[in-house]
Amino acid sequence: MGWLFQWGQLPLVLGVLAACALGLWLPLHLPLGPFNWDTVLYLDGGQRVLDGQIPSVDFFAPVGPLGYWLFAGGLALFPSPQPVLLAQWMLFAVTLPPFLPTVLRLRPALGWALLLPFLFFQLVPLNVEQYGLFPSFDGYGFYNRHVAQLLYVLVTVLLFERRAGLIVFTVAWCCTALFLLKITGFVTAGLICLLALAAGRISLRAALVSAALFAAVLAGLELTTGLVSHYIGDIVSLVKLNEGGLASRLLQAASLHFGTFGSGCALLLGLAIVEHNALRRGLSELMRRRDWMSLSAFFDQPIVWLGVLLACGIFFESQNTGDQAFIFLWPLLLRIFETPAARRLPILVLIGAVALPPFVGIAHRLSRALVGQMQYVDLDRPQLKILGQVDQRPELLDRAREGLDILRGNKSLYEAYASVGLLPFYSLYADIDFQMTWLLATDDAVSAIKAFEAREGVRFDTIMALNFVNPYPYLLGRHATRRIPIGADPTRAVPNPDADTIEAVRNTDLILYPTCPVTLANMRLREIYQAGLANHREVKLSDCWIGYVSTPHQLRP
């Protein structure tokens, strides 16, 4: 049994990976949750990659390209993967290579204490925030969860690994991945790596080698695809669209995550009280000797690590709407747990207060979703392909059907809200009713396009949607318009189109405009791309969809 306890970690990981592969192979259904259409960003981006497009070069993306590459690989490998599970589990390909070599070399108790939380958070597609009233999974915030999980790996290796080669590999690997996932995650990792350098956890030589490897990968990508310069240009555009308000965002993040952040600050204060003599000695030694060894000794104290990680965490959370916040504190909490300070009951209680909220909250939501799913019914819409692999309460599905019928005949109310710049209610997109209705409307669009093509004897090779997401090239096996953004939020993620973008829109065969419901965002998108619609003819595809058809297509009068 001792051998199993010591070496059972690798069989467990292999078993988890096998279970994930089987789960992605089977046409599983998950409960539909709030903001579920964020999943379509991966579907759209992955389909574009399979169609030969390069993120940032051929289309504007709200985050880095790595997620779309991984999702495209999953689409190519599995016949009908549940998209939320694929977007969640695909990151194992990135997190395990640097994480496993460290965990497998640690003493068993510590290794298990690091591995089990990691697997839990990596497997479960849930955030610590909750926006939905009904038990469900979170089809949004994937890239934020990915960042949190990679930071967990990075902090683990920096705190518990001593082999220089593996540290170099991990820093280069994680920083490259984070740069290609989300730039704020990369900035956060850079701050953590600077602390590790000051604390002597990574030598200057190792840091330079890691930086060289990172630069070499980016140089290779730039020379072969031109991606890096375009990606940086996208980042600059997004910063311009979202500048200002950092202080309010920091306060909002601290309030939203007070259960963890507040407890972390209390633990920081507790450590300062308990370890005040050691802190004073370390600072005095640093001022007296002024050498690298005393500097490293001072910065390598748990209280310094905790302060920096809390600051990094609250900075990252200020840029997010949902993720597994502060889970990368867990490795540090284990290190603090092993110090003499943890023998004091108040410190031990505070460690638990920091560690437990993310785990307990997500575990509670997971159990509710699994139990609630027993009473759910599948959304039976084969035209939606894997996008339709969801389920929900039967009354919600009936409500969405009836709601779509009401929207078809009563558009004036939503038009009135949109005309004054309002949503009918503030959390419309988080509402499961809206997400289910949107799926039904999407199915209606597919049927309408097929019927129109059959009736007119035409085929639309390129399709664009004046909507937040565009699943139609995937659903119909067509091409997506190049140059335009995916995740088209006109308030923060759609820069003013240049001449090449307008030309790409002008050359699009079919541009879809949804009217069930009419929203301000869709109206603004139509205004933004109005110049590209000039040579398109407006047609009614259905009661919920207007189509702008390129004039080269000969339509019957």
Protein backbone atom coordinates (compact mmCIF):
# COMPACT_ATOMS: atom_id res chain seq x y z
CA MET A 1 0.00 0.00 0.00
CA GLY A 2 2.90 2.34 0.68
CA TRP A 3 4.16 1.77 -2.86
CA LEU A 4 0.70 2.54 -4.23
CA PHE A 5 0.50 5.72 -2.13
CA GLN A 6 3.88 6.84 -3.41
CA TRP A 7 3.52 5.94 -7.06
CA GLY A 8 -0.25 5.98 -7.51
CA GLN A 9 -0.25 9.57 -8.77
CA LEU A 10 0.80 8.70 -12.32
CA PRO A 11 -1.82 5.92 -12.74
CA LEU A 12 -4.45 8.34 -11.44
CA VAL A 13 -3.47 10.99 -13.98
CA LEU A 14 -3.44 8.46 -16.81
CA GLY A 15 -6.86 7.23 -15.70
CA VAL A 16 -8.19 10.79 -15.65
CA LEU A 17 -6.85 11.44 -19.16
CA ALA A 18 -8.42 8.21 -20.42
CA ALA A 19 -11.75 9.19 -18.86
CA CYS A 20 -11.53 12.64 -20.47
CA ALA A 21 -10.79 11.13 -23.88
CA LEU A 22 -13.78 8.81 -23.52
CA GLY A 23 -15.98 11.68 -22.36
CA LEU A 24 -15.00 13.75 -25.39
CA TRP A 25 -15.57 10.82 -27.73
CA LEU A 26 -19.12 10.27 -26.48
CA PRO A 27 -21.90 12.77 -27.38
CA LEU A 28 -22.39 13.92 -23.80
CA HIS A 29 -24.85 16.65 -22.79
CA LEU A 30 -24.26 19.28 -20.08
CA PRO A 31 -26.76 21.58 -18.37
CA LEU A 32 -26.98 24.88 -20.21
CA GLY A 33 -25.65 27.74 -18.11
CA PRO A 34 -25.30 31.55 -18.20
CA PHE A 35 -23.26 33.21 -20.95
CA ASN A 36 -23.11 29.83 -22.69
CA TRP A 37 -22.62 31.44 -26.09
CA ASP A 38 -19.06 32.30 -25.05
CA THR A 39 -18.34 28.67 -25.94
CA VAL A 40 -19.10 29.54 -29.56
CA LEU A 41 -15.99 31.73 -29.61
CA TYR A 42 -13.91 28.57 -29.39
CA LEU A 43 -16.14 26.85 -31.94
CA ASP A 44 -15.83 29.78 -34.33
CA GLY A 45 -12.10 30.22 -33.74
CA GLY A 46 -11.37 26.49 -33.95
CA GLN A 47 -13.37 26.15 -37.17
CA ARG A 48 -11.47 29.09 -38.66
CA VAL A 49 -8.16 27.44 -37.75
CA LEU A 50 -9.25 24.20 -39.45
CA ASP A 51 -10.23 26.34 -42.45
CA GLY A 52 -6.68 27.67 -42.69
CA GLN A 53 -7.08 30.98 -40.87
CA ILE A 54 -4.49 32.24 -38.38
CA PRO A 55 -5.71 34.01 -35.22
CA SER A 56 -4.90 37.74 -35.15
CA VAL A 57 -3.61 37.53 -38.73
CA ASP A 58 -6.88 36.49 -40.41
CA PHE A 59 -9.36 37.43 -37.69
CA PHE A 60 -9.44 39.67 -34.64
CA ALA A 61 -9.61 37.68 -31.39
CA PRO A 62 -10.32 38.90 -27.84
CA VAL A 63 -7.53 36.69 -26.45
CA GLY A 64 -4.48 34.80 -27.70
CA PRO A 65 -4.43 32.01 -30.29
CA LEU A 66 -3.52 29.02 -28.14
CA GLY A 67 -7.06 28.20 -27.06
CA TYR A 68 -8.30 28.18 -30.66
CA TRP A 69 -5.45 25.93 -31.75
CA LEU A 70 -6.19 23.46 -28.96
CA PHE A 71 -9.92 23.51 -29.66
CA ALA A 72 -9.30 22.96 -33.37
CA GLY A 73 -7.22 19.92 -32.48
CA GLY A 74 -10.09 18.60 -30.38
CA LEU A 75 -12.57 19.13 -33.22
CA ALA A 76 -10.28 17.22 -35.56
CA LEU A 77 -9.65 14.40 -33.09
CA PHE A 78 -13.10 13.71 -31.63
CA PRO A 79 -16.32 13.20 -33.63
CA SER A 80 -18.78 14.90 -31.25
CA PRO A 81 -17.05 16.47 -28.23
CA GLN A 82 -19.22 18.40 -25.80
CA PRO A 83 -17.79 21.92 -26.43
CA VAL A 84 -17.71 23.06 -22.80
CA LEU A 85 -15.83 19.92 -21.78
CA LEU A 86 -13.45 20.21 -24.72
CA ALA A 87 -12.69 23.85 -23.93
CA GLN A 88 -12.08 22.90 -20.28
CA TRP A 89 -10.09 19.69 -20.66
CA MET A 90 -7.93 20.61 -23.63
CA LEU A 91 -5.58 22.52 -21.32
CA PHE A 92 -4.28 19.25 -19.86
CA ALA A 93 -2.00 19.22 -22.91
CA VAL A 94 -0.39 22.42 -21.58
CA THR A 95 -0.48 22.03 -17.80
CA LEU A 96 0.66 18.44 -17.31
CA PRO A 97 4.11 18.53 -19.03
CA PRO A 98 5.66 20.95 -16.48
CA PHE A 99 3.48 19.91 -13.52
CA LEU A 100 3.84 16.14 -13.39
CA PRO A 101 7.67 15.90 -13.21
CA THR A 102 7.65 18.08 -10.10
CA VAL A 103 4.71 16.45 -8.33
CA LEU A 104 5.97 12.91 -8.93
CA ARG A 105 9.31 13.72 -7.28
CA LEU A 106 7.86 15.22 -4.11
CA ARG A 107 7.15 13.23 -0.99
CA PRO A 108 3.78 11.49 -1.38
CA ALA A 109 1.71 13.55 1.05
CA LEU A 110 2.79 16.85 -0.49
CA GLY A 111 2.46 15.49 -4.02
CA TRP A 112 -1.13 14.38 -3.41
CA ALA A 113 -1.96 17.69 -1.72
CA LEU A 114 -0.87 19.48 -4.89
CA LEU A 115 -2.24 17.01 -7.45
CA LEU A 116 -5.79 16.46 -6.19
CA PRO A 117 -6.85 20.15 -6.12
CA PHE A 118 -5.20 20.66 -9.49
CA LEU A 119 -7.17 17.79 -11.05
CA PHE A 120 -10.40 18.98 -9.44
CA PHE A 121 -10.14 22.52 -10.78
CA GLN A 122 -8.89 21.33 -14.17
CA LEU A 123 -11.74 18.86 -14.60
CA VAL A 124 -14.70 20.93 -13.45
CA PRO A 125 -15.97 23.65 -15.86
CA LEU A 126 -17.21 25.96 -13.13
CA ASN A 127 -16.17 29.38 -11.86
CA VAL A 128 -16.24 30.61 -8.30
CA GLU A 129 -18.78 33.25 -9.39
CA GLN A 130 -22.39 32.23 -9.94
CA TYR A 131 -24.71 34.05 -12.34
CA GLY A 132 -27.40 31.45 -12.97
CA LEU A 133 -30.36 30.54 -10.76
CA PHE A 134 -30.55 26.92 -11.92
CA PRO A 135 -27.87 24.22 -11.53
CA SER A 136 -25.63 24.28 -14.59
CA PHE A 137 -22.07 24.48 -15.85
CA ASP A 138 -20.24 27.62 -16.93
CA GLY A 139 -19.76 27.95 -20.67
CA TYR A 140 -17.80 31.17 -20.23
CA GLY A 141 -14.57 32.39 -18.65
CA PHE A 142 -12.54 29.53 -20.12
CA TYR A 143 -9.43 31.58 -20.84
CA ASN A 144 -9.51 33.01 -17.32
CA ARG A 145 -9.75 29.51 -15.85
CA HIS A 146 -6.89 28.44 -18.11
CA VAL A 147 -4.73 31.25 -16.77
CA ALA A 148 -5.54 30.38 -13.14
CA GLN A 149 -4.65 26.74 -13.74
CA LEU A 150 -1.36 27.58 -15.45
CA LEU A 151 -0.44 29.96 -12.64
CA TYR A 152 -1.11 27.08 -10.21
CA VAL A 153 1.47 25.02 -12.13
CA LEU A 154 3.99 27.86 -12.28
CA VAL A 155 3.77 28.63 -8.55
CA THR A 156 4.04 24.91 -7.70
CA VAL A 157 7.26 24.50 -9.65
CA LEU A 158 8.80 27.74 -8.40
CA LEU A 159 8.12 26.83 -4.76
CA PHE A 160 8.89 23.11 -4.72
CA GLU A 161 11.26 22.32 -7.60
CA ARG A 162 15.04 22.52 -7.28
CA ARG A 163 16.19 21.07 -10.61
CA ALA A 164 17.38 24.01 -12.69
CA GLY A 165 16.56 22.40 -16.03
CA LEU A 166 12.94 21.77 -15.09
CA ILE A 167 12.57 25.28 -13.68
CA VAL A 168 13.90 26.75 -16.94
CA PHE A 169 11.51 24.59 -18.95
CA THR A 170 8.52 25.45 -16.75
CA VAL A 171 9.09 29.20 -16.77
CA ALA A 172 9.61 29.28 -20.54
CA TRP A 173 6.69 26.90 -21.18
CA CYS A 174 4.20 28.62 -18.87
CA CYS A 175 5.11 32.15 -19.89
CA THR A 176 4.86 31.25 -23.58
CA ALA A 177 1.51 29.55 -23.04
CA LEU A 178 0.18 32.45 -20.98
CA PHE A 179 1.32 34.97 -23.57
CA LEU A 180 -0.57 32.99 -26.21
CA LEU A 181 -3.62 32.57 -23.95
CA LYS A 182 -4.27 35.97 -22.40
CA ILE A 183 -1.88 38.87 -22.02
CA THR A 184 -2.98 39.78 -18.48
CA GLY A 185 -2.13 36.23 -17.42
CA PHE A 186 1.33 36.67 -18.93
CA VAL A 187 1.83 39.95 -17.06
CA THR A 188 0.76 38.25 -13.82
CA ALA A 189 3.20 35.40 -14.44
CA GLY A 190 5.97 37.89 -15.15
CA LEU A 191 5.47 39.53 -11.75
CA ILE A 192 5.56 36.13 -10.05
CA CYS A 193 8.75 35.21 -11.91
CA LEU A 194 10.36 38.49 -10.84
CA LEU A 195 9.60 37.58 -7.23
CA ALA A 196 11.06 34.11 -7.79
CA LEU A 197 14.23 35.71 -9.17
CA ALA A 198 14.52 38.08 -6.21
CA ALA A 199 13.85 35.19 -3.82
CA GLY A 200 16.54 33.02 -5.38
CA ARG A 201 14.03 30.41 -6.55
CA ILE A 202 15.38 30.83 -10.07
CA SER A 203 18.92 31.93 -10.83
CA LEU A 204 19.70 34.84 -13.10
CA ARG A 205 21.25 32.47 -15.62
CA ALA A 206 18.17 30.24 -15.62
CA ALA A 207 15.94 33.28 -16.00
CA LEU A 208 17.92 34.47 -19.01
CA VAL A 209 17.77 31.02 -20.61
CA SER A 210 14.01 30.90 -20.04
CA ALA A 211 13.63 34.35 -21.57
CA ALA A 212 15.72 33.28 -24.56
CA LEU A 213 13.56 30.18 -25.12
CA PHE A 214 10.42 32.30 -24.84
CA ALA A 215 11.79 34.81 -27.34
CA ALA A 216 12.86 32.04 -29.71
CA VAL A 217 9.36 30.57 -29.82
CA LEU A 218 7.80 33.96 -30.49
CA ALA A 219 10.41 34.75 -33.13
CA GLY A 220 9.65 31.46 -34.86
CA LEU A 221 5.92 32.20 -34.85
CA GLU A 222 6.50 35.70 -36.17
CA LEU A 223 8.80 34.59 -38.97
CA THR A 224 6.53 31.77 -40.12
CA THR A 225 3.09 33.33 -39.66
CA GLY A 226 3.42 36.99 -38.69
CA LEU A 227 1.18 36.19 -35.73
CA VAL A 228 3.07 37.93 -32.92
CA SER A 229 3.07 41.43 -34.40
CA HIS A 230 -0.61 41.14 -35.33
CA TYR A 231 -1.42 39.80 -31.86
CA ILE A 232 0.36 42.72 -30.20
CA GLY A 233 -1.57 45.05 -32.48
CA ASP A 234 -4.82 43.42 -31.34
CA ILE A 235 -3.77 43.89 -27.71
CA VAL A 236 -3.10 47.58 -28.29
CA SER A 237 -6.52 47.96 -29.92
CA LEU A 238 -8.23 46.22 -26.99
CA VAL A 239 -6.39 48.39 -24.47
CA LYS A 240 -7.57 51.52 -26.28
CA LEU A 241 -11.15 50.23 -26.26
CA ASN A 242 -11.04 49.36 -22.55
CA GLU A 243 -8.77 51.98 -20.99
CA GLY A 244 -9.72 53.66 -17.75
CA GLY A 245 -11.48 52.56 -14.58
CA LEU A 246 -8.73 50.35 -13.10
CA ALA A 247 -9.34 51.54 -9.54
CA SER A 248 -13.04 50.73 -9.71
CA ARG A 249 -12.26 47.33 -11.22
CA LEU A 250 -9.83 46.56 -8.40
CA LEU A 251 -12.47 47.44 -5.83
CA GLN A 252 -15.04 45.33 -7.65
CA ALA A 253 -12.67 42.36 -7.80
CA ALA A 254 -11.83 42.69 -4.10
CA SER A 255 -15.53 42.81 -3.26
CA LEU A 256 -16.46 39.90 -5.51
CA HIS A 257 -13.70 37.67 -4.14
CA PHE A 258 -13.66 38.95 -0.59
CA GLY A 259 -14.07 35.44 0.83
CA THR A 260 -10.62 34.55 -0.47
CA PHE A 261 -8.94 37.94 -0.80
CA GLY A 262 -10.11 39.20 2.59
CA SER A 263 -9.01 35.98 4.28
CA GLY A 264 -5.69 36.24 2.45
CA CYS A 265 -5.17 39.75 3.78
CA ALA A 266 -6.05 38.52 7.28
CA LEU A 267 -3.50 35.70 6.89
CA LEU A 268 -0.96 38.26 5.73
CA LEU A 269 -1.57 40.29 8.87
CA GLY A 270 -1.43 37.18 11.02
CA LEU A 271 1.92 36.15 9.56
CA ALA A 272 3.25 39.68 10.07
CA ILE A 273 2.35 39.45 13.76
CA VAL A 274 3.66 35.93 14.29
CA GLU A 275 6.82 36.36 12.20
CA HIS A 276 7.61 39.96 13.08
CA ASN A 277 10.95 39.06 14.68
CA ALA A 278 12.08 37.08 11.64
CA LEU A 279 10.94 39.88 9.34
CA ARG A 280 12.86 42.45 11.34
CA ARG A 281 16.00 40.31 11.39
CA GLY A 282 15.77 39.68 7.66
CA LEU A 283 15.36 43.35 6.89
CA SER A 284 18.23 44.31 9.20
CA GLU A 285 20.46 41.68 7.60
CA LEU A 286 19.57 42.99 4.15
CA MET A 287 20.35 46.59 5.11
CA ARG A 288 23.62 45.55 6.75
CA ARG A 289 25.02 43.18 4.12
CA ARG A 290 23.36 44.52 0.95
CA ASP A 291 24.17 41.37 -1.01
CA TRP A 292 22.19 38.95 -3.18
CA MET A 293 22.04 36.24 -0.51
CA SER A 294 20.39 38.46 2.09
CA LEU A 295 18.06 39.88 -0.56
CA SER A 296 16.97 36.37 -1.54
CA ALA A 297 16.50 35.35 2.08
CA PHE A 298 14.23 38.32 2.70
CA PHE A 299 12.07 37.89 -0.41
CA ASP A 300 11.77 34.12 -0.01
CA GLN A 301 9.68 34.41 3.14
CA PRO A 302 6.08 33.11 2.93
CA ILE A 303 4.68 36.49 3.94
CA VAL A 304 6.39 38.19 0.99
CA TRP A 305 5.17 35.51 -1.41
CA LEU A 306 1.65 35.83 -0.04
CA GLY A 307 1.60 39.60 -0.41
CA VAL A 308 2.84 39.46 -4.00
CA LEU A 309 0.49 36.64 -5.02
CA LEU A 310 -2.50 38.43 -3.51
CA ALA A 311 -1.57 41.60 -5.40
CA CYS A 312 -1.09 39.64 -8.63
CA GLY A 313 -4.36 37.84 -8.10
CA ILE A 314 -6.43 40.94 -7.51
CA PHE A 315 -4.86 42.61 -10.56
CA PHE A 316 -5.75 39.64 -12.75
CA GLU A 317 -9.28 39.39 -11.35
CA SER A 318 -9.88 43.07 -12.06
CA GLN A 319 -9.78 42.20 -15.77
CA ASN A 320 -12.19 39.22 -15.58
CA THR A 321 -15.88 38.39 -15.41
CA GLY A 322 -15.46 34.85 -14.14
CA ASP A 323 -12.84 32.20 -13.38
CA GLN A 324 -11.36 30.00 -10.66
CA ALA A 325 -9.98 32.95 -8.78
CA PHE A 326 -6.90 32.67 -6.55
CA ILE A 327 -6.51 28.88 -6.87
CA PHE A 328 -2.79 29.48 -7.48
CA LEU A 329 -2.50 30.39 -3.78
CA TRP A 330 -2.94 26.71 -2.90
CA PRO A 331 0.76 25.69 -3.38
CA LEU A 332 1.88 28.62 -1.23
CA LEU A 333 -0.65 27.72 1.46
CA LEU A 334 0.86 24.24 1.60
CA ARG A 335 4.29 25.78 2.07
CA ILE A 336 2.97 28.02 4.87
CA PHE A 337 1.28 24.98 6.41
CA GLU A 338 4.72 23.38 6.80
CA THR A 339 6.22 26.35 8.67
CA PRO A 340 6.30 26.75 12.48
CA ALA A 341 3.80 29.61 12.17
CA ALA A 342 1.10 27.14 11.11
CA ARG A 343 1.30 25.46 14.52
CA ARG A 344 -0.59 28.43 15.91
CA LEU A 345 -4.32 27.88 15.68
CA PRO A 346 -5.22 31.34 14.29
CA ILE A 347 -2.78 30.89 11.39
CA LEU A 348 -4.09 27.40 10.70
CA VAL A 349 -7.67 28.67 10.67
CA LEU A 350 -6.75 31.49 8.29
CA ILE A 351 -5.00 29.05 5.94
CA GLY A 352 -8.24 27.12 5.76
CA ALA A 353 -10.24 30.31 5.27
CA VAL A 354 -8.13 31.16 2.21
CA ALA A 355 -8.04 27.66 0.74
CA LEU A 356 -11.63 26.51 1.21
CA PRO A 357 -13.92 29.11 -0.46
CA PRO A 358 -13.00 28.30 -4.10
CA PHE A 359 -13.10 24.55 -3.49
CA VAL A 360 -16.29 24.52 -1.43
CA GLY A 361 -18.12 26.89 -3.77
CA ILE A 362 -17.25 24.96 -6.91
CA ALA A 363 -17.87 21.57 -5.26
CA HIS A 364 -21.31 22.76 -4.15
CA ARG A 365 -22.19 23.99 -7.63
CA LEU A 366 -20.87 20.75 -9.16
CA SER A 367 -23.03 18.58 -6.93
CA ARG A 368 -26.11 20.69 -7.69
CA ALA A 369 -25.48 20.47 -11.44
CA LEU A 370 -24.99 16.70 -11.39
CA VAL A 371 -28.07 16.07 -9.26
CA GLY A 372 -30.20 18.59 -11.11
CA GLN A 373 -29.25 17.10 -14.48
CA MET A 374 -31.13 13.93 -13.57
CA GLN A 375 -34.38 15.82 -14.17
CA TYR A 376 -33.24 17.71 -17.27
CA VAL A 377 -34.16 17.00 -20.89
CA ASP A 378 -31.88 17.21 -23.92
CA LEU A 379 -32.19 19.93 -26.50
CA ASP A 380 -33.10 17.83 -29.54
CA ARG A 381 -31.87 20.00 -32.41
CA PRO A 382 -29.55 17.90 -34.65
CA GLN A 383 -28.77 20.88 -36.90
CA LEU A 384 -26.88 22.49 -34.01
CA LYS A 385 -24.35 19.61 -33.99
CA ILE A 386 -22.17 19.73 -30.85
CA LEU A 387 -23.52 23.18 -30.00
CA GLY A 388 -26.82 21.48 -29.20
CA GLN A 389 -25.33 18.98 -26.74
CA VAL A 390 -26.98 20.70 -23.78
CA ASP A 391 -29.92 20.00 -21.50
CA GLN A 392 -32.02 21.94 -19.02
CA ARG A 393 -35.23 21.76 -17.04
CA PRO A 394 -38.18 20.87 -19.31
CA GLU A 395 -40.11 23.95 -18.23
CA LEU A 396 -37.19 26.19 -19.27
CA LEU A 397 -37.06 24.55 -22.67
CA ASP A 398 -40.82 24.99 -23.08
CA ARG A 399 -40.49 28.58 -21.94
CA ALA A 400 -37.78 29.23 -24.56
CA ARG A 401 -39.97 27.78 -27.32
CA GLU A 402 -42.93 29.91 -26.29
CA GLY A 403 -40.68 32.92 -25.79
CA LEU A 404 -39.30 32.65 -29.32
CA ASP A 405 -42.84 32.58 -30.70
CA ILE A 406 -43.66 35.70 -28.69
CA LEU A 407 -40.53 37.44 -29.98
CA ARG A 408 -41.49 36.68 -33.57
CA GLY A 409 -44.70 38.64 -33.25
CA ASN A 410 -43.80 41.29 -30.68
CA LYS A 411 -40.50 42.95 -31.59
CA SER A 412 -41.51 46.51 -30.81
CA LEU A 413 -40.75 46.27 -27.08
CA TYR A 414 -37.14 45.16 -27.65
CA GLU A 415 -36.75 47.73 -30.42
CA ALA A 416 -37.90 50.43 -28.00
CA TYR A 417 -35.30 49.39 -25.43
CA ALA A 418 -32.56 49.22 -28.07
CA SER A 419 -33.50 52.62 -29.49
CA VAL A 420 -32.66 54.28 -26.17
CA GLY A 421 -29.49 52.24 -25.65
CA LEU A 422 -30.79 49.74 -23.10
CA LEU A 423 -31.18 46.02 -22.69
CA PRO A 424 -34.64 44.87 -21.57
CA PHE A 425 -32.95 43.88 -18.33
CA TYR A 426 -29.35 44.36 -17.27
CA SER A 427 -28.33 40.68 -17.05
CA LEU A 428 -29.98 39.58 -20.31
CA TYR A 429 -26.99 37.65 -21.66
CA ALA A 430 -26.46 35.83 -18.36
CA ASP A 431 -30.06 34.65 -18.36
CA ILE A 432 -30.51 30.96 -19.20
CA ASP A 433 -33.83 31.82 -20.89
CA PHE A 434 -31.94 34.03 -23.32
CA GLN A 435 -29.24 31.43 -23.97
CA MET A 436 -31.79 28.69 -24.67
CA THR A 437 -33.84 31.01 -26.87
CA TRP A 438 -30.69 31.98 -28.76
CA LEU A 439 -29.96 28.30 -29.47
CA LEU A 440 -33.48 27.81 -30.81
CA ALA A 441 -33.13 30.95 -32.94
CA THR A 442 -29.79 29.65 -34.23
CA ASP A 443 -31.46 26.42 -35.28
CA ASP A 444 -34.14 28.51 -36.99
CA ALA A 445 -31.44 30.41 -38.89
CA VAL A 446 -29.86 27.20 -40.17
CA SER A 447 -33.25 25.97 -41.42
CA ALA A 448 -33.99 29.34 -43.01
CA ILE A 449 -30.65 29.47 -44.83
CA LYS A 450 -31.06 25.94 -46.18
CA ALA A 451 -34.60 26.69 -47.34
CA PHE A 452 -33.55 29.95 -48.98
CA GLU A 453 -30.65 28.31 -50.81
CA ALA A 454 -32.89 25.51 -52.07
CA ARG A 455 -35.59 27.93 -53.17
CA GLU A 456 -33.24 30.34 -54.93
CA GLY A 457 -30.74 27.82 -56.27
CA VAL A 458 -27.76 29.53 -54.60
CA ARG A 459 -25.06 28.58 -52.12
CA PHE A 460 -23.50 31.00 -49.67
CA ASP A 461 -19.82 30.10 -49.29
CA THR A 462 -19.02 32.80 -46.73
CA ILE A 463 -21.33 33.67 -43.86
CA MET A 464 -21.09 36.45 -41.26
CA ALA A 465 -23.40 37.30 -38.37
CA LEU A 466 -24.08 40.75 -36.94
CA ASN A 467 -24.16 39.16 -33.53
CA PHE A 468 -21.79 38.43 -30.66
CA VAL A 469 -20.92 35.00 -32.11
CA ASN A 470 -21.07 33.30 -35.50
CA PRO A 471 -21.56 29.51 -35.40
CA TYR A 472 -23.00 29.27 -38.92
CA PRO A 473 -19.83 28.46 -40.90
CA TYR A 474 -19.34 25.49 -38.55
CA LEU A 475 -23.00 24.43 -38.61
CA LEU A 476 -23.31 24.66 -42.41
CA GLY A 477 -19.77 23.71 -43.44
CA ARG A 478 -18.96 27.11 -44.97
CA HIS A 479 -16.25 29.75 -44.60
CA ALA A 480 -16.20 32.60 -42.09
CA THR A 481 -15.55 36.20 -43.09
CA ARG A 482 -11.93 37.15 -42.53
CA ARG A 483 -10.59 40.22 -40.74
CA ILE A 484 -13.60 40.71 -38.45
CA PRO A 485 -13.59 40.07 -34.68
CA ILE A 486 -14.96 36.95 -33.05
CA GLY A 487 -16.75 37.68 -29.79
CA ALA A 488 -18.10 40.87 -31.32
CA ASP A 489 -18.96 43.07 -28.36
CA PRO A 490 -19.13 46.56 -29.91
CA THR A 491 -18.56 48.26 -26.55
CA ARG A 492 -15.16 46.72 -25.85
CA ALA A 493 -13.95 44.27 -28.51
CA VAL A 494 -14.75 45.65 -31.97
CA PRO A 495 -12.25 48.23 -33.25
CA ASN A 496 -13.18 50.54 -36.09
CA PRO A 497 -12.90 48.50 -39.29
CA ASP A 498 -10.16 49.40 -41.74
CA ALA A 499 -10.43 49.25 -45.52
CA ASP A 500 -9.39 45.59 -45.68
CA THR A 501 -12.05 44.64 -43.14
CA ILE A 502 -14.78 46.50 -45.01
CA GLU A 503 -13.65 44.82 -48.22
CA ALA A 504 -13.88 41.40 -46.56
CA VAL A 505 -17.41 42.21 -45.38
CA ARG A 506 -18.31 43.47 -48.85
CA ASN A 507 -17.17 40.14 -50.34
CA THR A 508 -19.22 38.06 -47.87
CA ASP A 509 -22.01 36.09 -49.51
CA LEU A 510 -24.50 36.22 -46.62
CA ILE A 511 -24.62 38.50 -43.59
CA LEU A 512 -27.15 37.56 -40.91
CA TYR A 513 -28.98 40.05 -38.71
CA PRO A 514 -31.00 38.62 -35.79
CA THR A 515 -34.28 40.19 -34.75
CA CYS A 516 -35.44 37.80 -32.00
CA PRO A 517 -34.68 39.88 -30.06
CA VAL A 518 -33.40 43.14 -31.48
CA THR A 519 -30.55 44.39 -29.26
CA LEU A 520 -28.47 47.53 -29.11
CA ALA A 521 -25.26 45.52 -29.67
CA ASN A 522 -26.54 44.03 -32.92
CA MET A 523 -27.76 47.44 -34.10
CA ARG A 524 -24.31 48.91 -33.42
CA LEU A 525 -22.61 46.08 -35.30
CA ARG A 526 -24.81 46.80 -38.31
CA GLU A 527 -23.83 50.46 -38.10
CA ILE A 528 -20.12 49.62 -37.78
CA TYR A 529 -20.15 47.46 -40.91
CA GLN A 530 -22.68 49.54 -42.85
CA ALA A 531 -20.14 50.40 -45.55
CA GLY A 532 -19.63 46.70 -46.23
CA LEU A 533 -23.36 46.12 -46.67
CA ALA A 534 -23.67 48.57 -49.56
CA ASN A 535 -23.66 45.92 -52.30
CA HIS A 536 -25.91 43.50 -50.41
CA ARG A 537 -29.63 43.03 -50.90
CA GLU A 538 -31.79 42.76 -47.80
CA VAL A 539 -34.04 39.70 -47.69
CA LYS A 540 -36.29 38.19 -45.04
CA LEU A 541 -35.03 34.70 -44.24
CA SER A 542 -37.53 34.08 -41.44
CA ASP A 543 -39.49 35.96 -38.81
CA CYS A 544 -36.31 36.10 -36.70
CA TRP A 545 -33.62 36.64 -39.33
CA ILE A 546 -32.81 39.25 -41.94
CA GLY A 547 -30.22 38.32 -44.52
CA TYR A 548 -27.97 40.65 -46.47
CA VAL A 549 -27.17 38.78 -49.68
CA SER A 550 -24.26 39.77 -51.90
CA THR A 551 -25.58 41.17 -55.19
CA PRO A 552 -23.59 38.76 -57.43
CA HIS A 553 -26.10 36.10 -56.32
CA GLN A 554 -28.99 36.16 -58.78
CA LEU A 555 -32.19 35.99 -56.73
CA ARG A 556 -35.68 35.41 -57.96
CA PRO A 557 -37.92 38.48 -57.75
